[in-house]
Amino acid sequence: MVCYVCHTDGRRTEAVAVCMGCGVALCPDHLIRENMAIWKDKHTGMATVRTKLPNPLPRTVCTECHRALNQT
């Protein structure tokens, strides 16, 4: 499989991962691997209490999905 970003630039680089957001193939130069916090919601009648779980979810994303997921 060929990296999508490299392919659009006219290069042919072997992909090593797939973006969890959009599904494009990525080479090591174009992927971002990060940990995503996992939250558990507990409904307590009128309110919901959110608790951050200790083990994050590792994810691999492209730069475009990374920008979209980390908007403020």
Protein backbone atom coordinates (compact mmCIF):
# COMPACT_ATOMS: atom_id res chain seq x y z
CA MET A 1 0.00 0.00 0.00
CA VAL A 2 1.21 3.52 -0.79
CA CYS A 3 0.98 6.58 1.47
CA TYR A 4 -1.87 8.77 0.26
CA VAL A 5 -0.16 12.07 1.11
CA CYS A 6 3.06 11.08 -0.67
CA HIS A 7 1.05 9.83 -3.64
CA THR A 8 -0.67 13.21 -4.01
CA ASP A 9 2.81 14.82 -4.00
CA GLY A 10 3.98 12.51 -6.81
CA ARG A 11 6.10 10.25 -4.59
CA ARG A 12 5.72 6.56 -3.90
CA THR A 13 6.30 5.71 -0.23
CA GLU A 14 5.21 2.52 1.49
CA ALA A 15 2.44 2.98 4.05
CA VAL A 16 2.82 1.61 7.58
CA ALA A 17 -0.52 2.65 9.12
CA VAL A 18 -4.10 3.66 8.37
CA CYS A 19 -5.75 6.81 9.74
CA MET A 20 -8.48 6.01 12.28
CA GLY A 21 -10.40 9.08 11.16
CA CYS A 22 -10.58 8.98 7.36
CA GLY A 23 -8.95 5.65 6.51
CA VAL A 24 -6.10 6.85 4.28
CA ALA A 25 -2.83 4.92 4.22
CA LEU A 26 0.10 6.75 5.84
CA CYS A 27 3.89 6.52 5.86
CA PRO A 28 5.90 7.27 9.02
CA ASP A 29 6.44 10.89 7.91
CA HIS A 30 2.72 11.65 7.65
CA LEU A 31 1.19 9.90 10.65
CA ILE A 32 0.56 11.18 14.15
CA ARG A 33 0.31 8.61 16.90
CA GLU A 34 -1.22 9.82 20.12
CA ASN A 35 -3.18 8.57 23.09
CA MET A 36 -6.86 9.45 23.36
CA ALA A 37 -8.40 9.71 26.81
CA ILE A 38 -11.29 7.34 27.52
CA TRP A 39 -14.11 8.61 29.73
CA LYS A 40 -16.83 6.73 31.60
CA ASP A 41 -20.12 8.45 32.29
CA LYS A 42 -22.05 7.53 35.42
CA HIS A 43 -25.61 8.76 35.60
CA THR A 44 -26.57 9.69 39.16
CA GLY A 45 -30.16 10.77 38.86
CA MET A 46 -30.11 14.45 37.91
CA ALA A 47 -26.43 14.70 36.99
CA THR A 48 -23.79 12.78 35.06
CA VAL A 49 -20.33 12.27 36.56
CA ARG A 50 -17.47 11.77 34.07
CA THR A 51 -14.43 9.78 35.13
CA LYS A 52 -11.22 9.52 33.11
CA LEU A 53 -10.18 5.87 32.82
CA PRO A 54 -6.51 4.99 33.48
CA ASN A 55 -5.70 3.32 30.12
CA PRO A 56 -5.86 5.62 27.07
CA LEU A 57 -6.65 4.42 23.55
CA PRO A 58 -3.64 4.66 21.23
CA ARG A 59 -4.65 6.04 17.84
CA THR A 60 -2.97 6.84 14.55
CA VAL A 61 -4.31 9.74 12.51
CA CYS A 62 -3.29 11.86 9.53
CA THR A 63 -2.47 15.55 9.96
CA GLU A 64 -5.87 16.67 8.60
CA CYS A 65 -7.83 14.49 11.04
CA HIS A 66 -5.50 15.53 13.86
CA ARG A 67 -6.33 19.19 13.18
CA ALA A 68 -10.05 18.43 13.05
CA LEU A 69 -10.03 16.39 16.27
CA ASN A 70 -8.02 18.98 18.21
CA GLN A 71 -9.97 22.12 17.38
CA THR A 72 -10.60 24.58 20.18
